Amino acid sequence: MSRWTLVWLALSVITGVLGFGGMTSSVTGLAQILFGIFLALLLISLVAGLVAQADDRSNARD
């Protein structure tokens, strides 16, 4: 799960630099949309990883 989190983080940073770095308007719009998508996927991966980790810990106690 952490591998996907790192992938989404890298893609978010790359598209953020491209989208907010002053490129042409057509590329900027696309990069900003992709930035939002990858950022959302990053947050989902982080939350899912934390939930899975907490679930593993609670199962280990039983």
Protein backbone atom coordinates (compact mmCIF):
# COMPACT_ATOMS: atom_id res chain seq x y z
CA MET A 1 0.00 0.00 0.00
CA SER A 2 2.83 2.44 0.79
CA ARG A 3 4.28 1.93 -2.70
CA TRP A 4 1.10 3.30 -4.26
CA THR A 5 1.14 6.21 -1.85
CA LEU A 6 4.64 7.11 -3.00
CA VAL A 7 3.60 6.79 -6.66
CA TRP A 8 0.65 9.14 -6.15
CA LEU A 9 2.84 11.57 -4.22
CA ALA A 10 5.42 11.67 -7.01
CA LEU A 11 2.75 12.14 -9.68
CA SER A 12 1.09 14.90 -7.64
CA VAL A 13 4.35 16.78 -7.27
CA ILE A 14 5.24 16.42 -10.96
CA THR A 15 1.84 17.55 -12.22
CA GLY A 16 1.75 20.33 -9.64
CA VAL A 17 5.04 21.71 -10.91
CA LEU A 18 3.85 21.46 -14.49
CA GLY A 19 0.39 22.85 -13.76
CA PHE A 20 1.36 25.74 -11.58
CA GLY A 21 4.75 26.50 -13.09
CA GLY A 22 3.57 28.86 -15.83
CA MET A 23 3.39 26.61 -18.90
CA THR A 24 0.95 27.22 -21.75
CA SER A 25 -2.71 27.40 -20.81
CA SER A 26 -3.80 24.14 -22.47
CA VAL A 27 -1.15 22.11 -20.68
CA THR A 28 -1.71 24.00 -17.44
CA GLY A 29 -5.40 23.11 -17.29
CA LEU A 30 -4.72 19.43 -17.87
CA ALA A 31 -1.89 19.35 -15.34
CA GLN A 32 -4.04 21.04 -12.71
CA ILE A 33 -6.80 18.48 -13.21
CA LEU A 34 -4.31 15.61 -12.99
CA PHE A 35 -2.79 17.20 -9.88
CA GLY A 36 -6.18 17.14 -8.19
CA ILE A 37 -6.81 13.54 -9.19
CA PHE A 38 -3.40 12.33 -8.03
CA LEU A 39 -3.67 14.29 -4.80
CA ALA A 40 -7.05 12.69 -4.08
CA LEU A 41 -5.60 9.24 -4.81
CA LEU A 42 -2.69 10.01 -2.48
CA LEU A 43 -5.05 10.91 0.35
CA ILE A 44 -7.20 7.83 -0.26
CA SER A 45 -4.09 5.62 -0.20
CA LEU A 46 -2.89 7.19 3.04
CA VAL A 47 -6.24 6.74 4.77
CA ALA A 48 -6.62 3.17 3.51
CA GLY A 49 -3.13 2.34 4.74
CA LEU A 50 -3.83 3.77 8.18
CA VAL A 51 -7.14 1.92 8.44
CA ALA A 52 -5.53 -1.36 7.37
CA GLN A 53 -2.71 -0.85 9.83
CA ALA A 54 -5.14 -0.14 12.67
CA ASP A 55 -7.17 -3.22 11.72
CA ASP A 56 -4.06 -5.39 11.77
CA ARG A 57 -3.16 -4.12 15.23
CA SER A 58 -6.64 -4.80 16.60
CA ASN A 59 -6.61 -8.34 15.14
CA ALA A 60 -3.22 -9.02 16.69
CA ARG A 61 -4.59 -8.26 20.16
CA ASP A 62 -7.39 -10.85 19.87
